[in-house]
Protein backbone atom coordinates (compact mmCIF):
# COMPACT_ATOMS: atom_id res chain seq x y z
CA MET A 1 7.75 7.80 -1.37
CA LYS A 2 9.98 4.79 -1.99
CA GLN A 3 12.84 6.69 -0.34
CA LEU A 4 10.60 7.48 2.63
CA ASN A 5 9.67 3.83 3.15
CA PHE A 6 13.33 2.79 3.09
CA GLY A 7 14.16 5.62 5.48
CA ILE A 8 11.48 4.51 7.92
CA SER A 9 12.85 0.97 7.90
CA ARG A 10 16.29 2.25 8.79
CA ILE A 11 14.99 4.68 11.40
CA ALA A 12 13.05 1.84 12.96
CA THR A 13 16.38 0.29 13.92
CA THR A 14 18.79 3.17 14.00
CA GLY A 15 18.78 4.00 17.70
CA LEU A 16 20.12 7.47 16.81
CA LEU A 17 23.59 6.15 16.05
CA LEU A 18 24.39 9.25 14.03
CA VAL A 19 22.96 11.72 16.53
CA ALA A 20 25.73 10.53 18.86
CA LEU A 21 24.88 7.82 21.36
CA CYS A 22 26.68 7.67 24.66
CA VAL A 23 26.51 5.64 27.89
CA ALA A 24 28.76 5.39 30.90
CA HIS A 25 31.04 2.50 30.12
CA ALA A 26 33.88 0.28 31.19
CA LYS A 27 36.77 -0.46 28.87
CA GLU A 28 37.92 -3.58 27.05
CA GLN A 29 34.78 -4.61 25.25
CA GLN A 30 36.01 -5.50 21.77
CA GLY A 31 34.17 -7.35 19.03
CA ILE A 32 30.86 -7.19 17.22
CA LEU A 33 29.74 -10.85 17.50
CA TRP A 34 29.26 -12.36 20.93
CA GLU A 35 28.33 -15.86 22.05
CA VAL A 36 25.65 -15.86 24.74
CA VAL A 37 25.26 -19.11 26.70
CA PRO A 38 22.59 -19.68 29.37
CA GLU A 39 23.38 -21.57 32.56
CA SER A 40 21.93 -24.65 30.92
CA GLY A 41 21.12 -24.92 27.25
CA GLN A 42 22.37 -24.05 23.81
CA ALA A 43 24.39 -20.99 22.81
CA SER A 44 22.98 -18.06 20.88
CA TYR A 45 24.76 -15.14 19.21
CA LEU A 46 24.43 -11.38 19.58
CA LEU A 47 25.63 -9.20 16.70
CA GLY A 48 26.24 -5.49 17.03
CA THR A 49 25.23 -3.88 13.74
CA ILE A 50 25.63 -0.54 12.10
CA HIS A 51 22.60 0.53 10.10
CA SER A 52 24.45 1.09 6.84
CA GLU A 53 24.09 0.11 3.19
CA ASP A 54 27.86 0.17 2.70
CA PRO A 55 29.10 -3.12 1.13
CA ARG A 56 31.92 -3.18 3.68
CA VAL A 57 29.22 -3.67 6.28
CA THR A 58 26.60 -5.73 4.47
CA ARG A 59 29.10 -8.40 3.33
CA LEU A 60 29.23 -10.59 6.42
CA PRO A 61 32.63 -11.94 7.49
CA PRO A 62 32.75 -15.75 7.01
CA LEU A 63 32.59 -16.54 10.74
CA VAL A 64 29.62 -14.24 11.30
CA LYS A 65 27.84 -15.67 8.25
CA LYS A 66 28.43 -19.22 9.49
CA LYS A 67 26.87 -18.52 12.88
CA PHE A 68 23.97 -16.69 11.23
CA ASP A 69 23.30 -19.50 8.72
CA GLN A 70 23.35 -22.14 11.48
CA SER A 71 20.82 -20.33 13.67
CA LYS A 72 17.15 -21.27 13.78
CA ILE A 73 15.83 -17.99 15.18
CA PHE A 74 16.55 -14.43 14.05
CA CYS A 75 15.66 -11.36 16.08
CA ALA A 76 16.10 -7.76 14.98
CA GLU A 77 15.33 -4.67 17.02
CA MET A 78 11.95 -4.64 15.29
CA LYS A 79 10.28 -6.82 12.71
CA MET A 80 10.88 -5.35 9.26
CA ASN A 81 7.64 -5.99 7.44
CA ALA A 82 4.94 -3.88 5.84
CA GLY A 83 3.01 -3.63 9.09
CA THR A 84 6.00 -2.16 10.90
CA GLN A 85 6.57 0.37 8.11
CA ILE A 86 2.95 1.50 8.24
CA GLN A 87 2.96 1.81 12.02
CA MET A 88 6.26 3.70 12.05
CA SER A 89 5.17 6.07 9.29
CA GLN A 90 1.92 6.81 11.13
CA GLY A 91 3.80 7.29 14.40
CA MET A 92 6.22 9.75 12.84
CA MET A 93 3.47 12.03 11.58
CA TYR A 94 0.92 14.31 13.17
CA LEU A 95 -2.54 12.85 12.74
CA ASP A 96 -4.33 15.35 14.99
CA GLY A 97 -4.09 18.53 12.94
CA GLN A 98 -0.84 19.81 14.38
CA LYS A 99 1.85 20.88 11.93
CA LEU A 100 5.63 21.07 12.05
CA ASP A 101 5.75 24.62 10.74
CA GLN A 102 3.64 25.68 13.73
CA GLN A 103 6.05 24.04 16.18
CA ILE A 104 9.40 25.45 15.03
CA ASP A 105 10.69 28.81 13.88
CA ARG A 106 10.59 29.75 10.21
CA GLU A 107 14.36 29.64 9.66
CA LEU A 108 14.68 26.11 11.03
CA TYR A 109 11.63 25.00 9.06
CA GLN A 110 13.00 26.33 5.75
CA LYS A 111 16.35 24.63 6.34
CA THR A 112 14.51 21.40 7.13
CA VAL A 113 12.45 21.60 3.94
CA THR A 114 15.57 22.17 1.86
CA LEU A 115 17.52 19.28 3.38
CA ILE A 116 14.69 16.76 3.46
CA ALA A 117 13.93 17.26 -0.24
CA ASP A 118 17.11 15.30 -0.99
CA TYR A 119 15.50 12.32 0.76
CA GLY A 120 12.66 12.20 -1.73
CA ILE A 121 10.09 13.77 0.58
CA PRO A 122 7.97 16.45 -1.16
CA GLU A 123 7.54 19.81 0.54
CA GLN A 124 3.80 19.36 1.00
CA LEU A 125 4.42 16.39 3.31
CA VAL A 126 6.97 18.09 5.56
CA PRO A 127 4.42 19.85 7.82
CA MET A 128 2.99 16.46 8.78
CA PHE A 129 6.20 15.23 10.39
CA LYS A 130 6.84 15.48 14.12
CA PRO A 131 10.08 17.29 15.04
CA TRP A 132 11.80 14.14 16.34
CA ALA A 133 10.87 12.19 13.21
CA VAL A 134 12.31 14.63 10.69
CA GLY A 135 15.33 14.99 12.98
CA LEU A 136 15.96 11.26 12.73
CA LEU A 137 15.49 11.25 8.98
CA LEU A 138 18.19 13.92 8.65
CA SER A 139 20.51 12.04 11.01
CA VAL A 140 21.11 9.15 8.63
CA PRO A 141 22.55 9.24 5.11
CA LYS A 142 20.13 9.45 2.22
CA PRO A 143 19.00 5.87 1.47
CA GLU A 144 19.97 4.47 -1.90
CA SER A 145 18.97 0.80 -2.12
CA GLY A 146 17.38 0.46 1.31
CA MET A 147 19.45 -2.69 1.85
CA PHE A 148 21.12 -1.73 5.11
CA LEU A 149 22.70 -4.48 7.21
CA ASP A 150 19.80 -5.19 9.55
CA TYR A 151 17.33 -5.39 6.68
CA VAL A 152 19.65 -7.70 4.70
CA LEU A 153 19.84 -10.01 7.70
CA TYR A 154 16.08 -9.94 8.19
CA GLN A 155 15.37 -10.70 4.53
CA THR A 156 17.95 -13.50 4.43
CA ALA A 157 16.59 -15.03 7.62
CA GLN A 158 13.12 -14.98 6.09
CA GLU A 159 14.39 -16.68 2.94
CA GLN A 160 16.11 -19.33 5.05
CA GLY A 161 12.88 -20.07 6.90
CA LYS A 162 14.11 -18.97 10.30
CA GLN A 163 11.70 -18.03 13.07
CA LEU A 164 11.56 -14.22 13.09
CA CYS A 165 11.05 -11.90 16.01
CA GLY A 166 11.44 -8.26 17.01
CA LEU A 167 12.69 -7.06 20.37
CA GLU A 168 10.60 -3.89 20.24
CA THR A 169 7.35 -2.74 18.71
CA PRO A 170 6.72 0.45 16.70
CA GLU A 171 4.42 1.65 19.47
CA GLU A 172 7.21 1.35 22.05
CA VAL A 173 9.76 3.22 19.94
CA VAL A 174 7.34 5.96 18.90
CA GLY A 175 6.22 6.29 22.50
CA LEU A 176 9.76 7.03 23.67
CA PHE A 177 9.91 10.02 21.33
CA ASP A 178 6.32 11.20 21.73
CA ASN A 179 6.80 11.31 25.50
CA THR A 180 9.85 13.54 25.05
CA PRO A 181 9.20 17.26 25.71
CA LEU A 182 8.62 19.26 22.53
CA LYS A 183 11.62 21.46 23.38
CA THR A 184 13.89 18.40 23.31
CA GLN A 185 12.36 17.17 20.06
CA ILE A 186 13.11 20.54 18.49
CA SER A 187 16.66 20.47 19.87
CA LEU A 188 17.14 17.08 18.23
CA LEU A 189 15.98 18.48 14.90
CA ARG A 190 18.13 21.58 15.29
CA VAL A 191 21.25 19.47 15.91
CA ALA A 192 20.48 17.24 12.91
CA VAL A 193 20.10 20.28 10.64
CA ARG A 194 23.21 21.98 12.01
CA GLU A 195 25.43 18.90 11.67
CA HIS A 196 24.03 17.67 8.36
CA SER A 197 26.88 19.08 6.31
CA ASN A 198 29.29 16.94 8.35
CA LEU A 199 27.20 13.78 8.05
CA ASP A 200 29.24 11.99 5.37
CA GLU A 201 32.50 12.58 7.20
CA MET A 202 31.00 11.46 10.50
CA VAL A 203 29.54 8.32 8.93
CA GLU A 204 32.87 7.34 7.39
CA GLU A 205 34.69 7.80 10.67
CA MET A 206 32.09 5.68 12.44
CA LEU A 207 32.29 3.00 9.75
CA GLN A 208 36.04 2.75 10.14
CA ILE A 209 35.71 2.28 13.89
CA TYR A 210 32.98 -0.32 13.43
CA LEU A 211 35.00 -2.27 10.86
CA ALA A 212 37.85 -2.33 13.37
CA ARG A 213 35.36 -3.89 15.82
CA ASP A 214 36.39 -1.42 18.51
CA LEU A 215 33.38 -0.85 20.74
CA ASP A 216 35.39 1.27 23.18
CA GLU A 217 36.43 3.68 20.44
CA LEU A 218 32.87 3.73 19.07
CA LEU A 219 31.66 4.90 22.46
CA GLU A 220 34.41 7.52 22.70
CA PHE A 221 33.49 8.77 19.23
CA SER A 222 29.88 8.98 20.32
CA GLU A 223 30.79 10.93 23.45
CA ARG A 224 32.68 13.48 21.40
CA GLU A 225 29.72 13.95 19.07
CA LEU A 226 27.20 14.05 21.89
CA GLU A 227 28.97 17.02 23.45
CA LYS A 228 27.73 19.06 20.48
CA SER A 229 24.09 18.17 21.08
CA GLY A 230 23.25 19.88 24.37
CA LYS A 231 22.03 18.57 27.71
CA ASP A 232 18.43 17.88 26.75
CA VAL A 233 19.35 15.75 23.72
CA SER A 234 22.05 14.00 25.78
CA ALA A 235 19.49 13.08 28.41
CA LEU A 236 17.09 11.78 25.76
CA VAL A 237 19.81 9.61 24.26
CA ASN A 238 21.21 8.26 27.52
CA ASP A 239 18.01 7.73 29.48
CA SER A 240 15.52 6.66 26.82
CA LEU A 241 17.24 5.61 23.63
CA ILE A 242 19.95 3.56 25.30
CA GLU A 243 19.27 2.60 28.90
CA GLN A 244 15.50 2.14 28.69
CA ARG A 245 15.65 0.39 25.31
CA ASN A 246 18.43 -1.88 26.55
CA ARG A 247 16.31 -2.96 29.50
CA ASN A 248 13.31 -3.53 27.27
CA MET A 249 15.30 -5.55 24.73
CA LEU A 250 17.01 -7.57 27.45
CA GLU A 251 13.65 -8.63 28.84
CA THR A 252 12.24 -9.50 25.42
CA MET A 253 15.22 -11.55 24.24
CA GLN A 254 15.15 -13.86 27.27
CA THR A 255 12.65 -16.23 25.66
CA GLN A 256 14.78 -16.72 22.55
CA LEU A 257 18.05 -17.04 24.48
CA LYS A 258 16.56 -19.77 26.65
CA LYS A 259 15.49 -21.66 23.53
CA GLY A 260 19.03 -21.38 22.19
CA ASN A 261 20.38 -21.29 18.64
CA ALA A 262 19.15 -17.72 18.16
CA PHE A 263 20.92 -14.95 16.27
CA ILE A 264 20.07 -11.48 17.58
CA ALA A 265 21.09 -8.28 15.80
CA VAL A 266 20.95 -4.85 17.45
CA GLY A 267 22.79 -1.56 16.98
CA ALA A 268 26.40 -1.94 18.13
CA LEU A 269 26.12 0.80 20.76
CA HIS A 270 23.52 -1.22 22.63
CA LEU A 271 26.21 -3.79 23.48
CA PRO A 272 28.93 -2.13 25.57
CA GLY A 273 28.92 -0.17 28.79
CA ASP A 274 27.80 -0.75 32.35
CA VAL A 275 24.17 -0.53 31.21
CA GLY A 276 24.87 -2.26 27.89
CA LEU A 277 23.43 -5.61 26.88
CA LEU A 278 26.70 -7.51 27.35
CA ARG A 279 27.11 -6.66 31.01
CA MET A 280 23.39 -6.96 31.74
CA LEU A 281 23.34 -10.43 30.19
CA GLU A 282 26.26 -11.44 32.40
CA ALA A 283 24.38 -10.12 35.41
CA GLN A 284 21.46 -12.35 34.41
CA GLY A 285 23.75 -15.41 34.61
CA TYR A 286 24.64 -15.82 30.93
CA ARG A 287 28.20 -16.56 29.85
CA VAL A 288 29.18 -13.94 27.27
CA ASN A 289 32.25 -14.31 25.06
CA ALA A 290 33.55 -12.39 22.05
CA VAL A 291 33.58 -14.50 18.87
CA TYR A 292 34.49 -11.91 16.19
């Protein structure tokens, strides 16, 4: 169950990066750390993360670390505490008597059981998972330490005594998936199972693009992967997991940005594009500049 708890923490912030996120986008948005300055007041910083345990990611570049250490407020996509883990785990499971093996065909279910066993989840628990939840679990690499970038930042911010906040709640994230038609949830799971053998290769390619700080290429990579997922999963990703979440996070972060001296970390693919956070912040009157 330790593996499950770590997996839930990562899923709570993953934004389906590995199921291929895609938004309509303009070019020339490069960089993972951005300075965000209100019309009057102190600057804050917005970091695009990748939800990985890889040391190449979790070791912050000196400039990023400096801006993080100097901040007084830290915001992640969601708070990463025990309460969040409990709420996410409850939200990912059927609590009304429904069962996964009653929702999907036998072949898909058996493949799911086989793959999810490698994540430390016993077979007797698998029927309790909702299709979207087990699909997300299989869309990220098997957790090892649980110390993925966002969690490292959250823990460090806590140790430094920063004010902590989350831009979303577990109820909001779970609601996005629960309100998705069952057919789409099953399609998401089917894609995750089908592409699982390519997961390591896909993750490495994405890591290389992220380390190059090339948001345009990250979006192009995501578009290529999304083509494999089908129209219903594409619509879920574009409409709910990107656009709607971006609008929700934009509204929530306003309070911290107006205070200033905040450091906000969200998945990198929430930053670029015409409906990405960078352009929406500019539309709200903030001055947005690439720092790293």
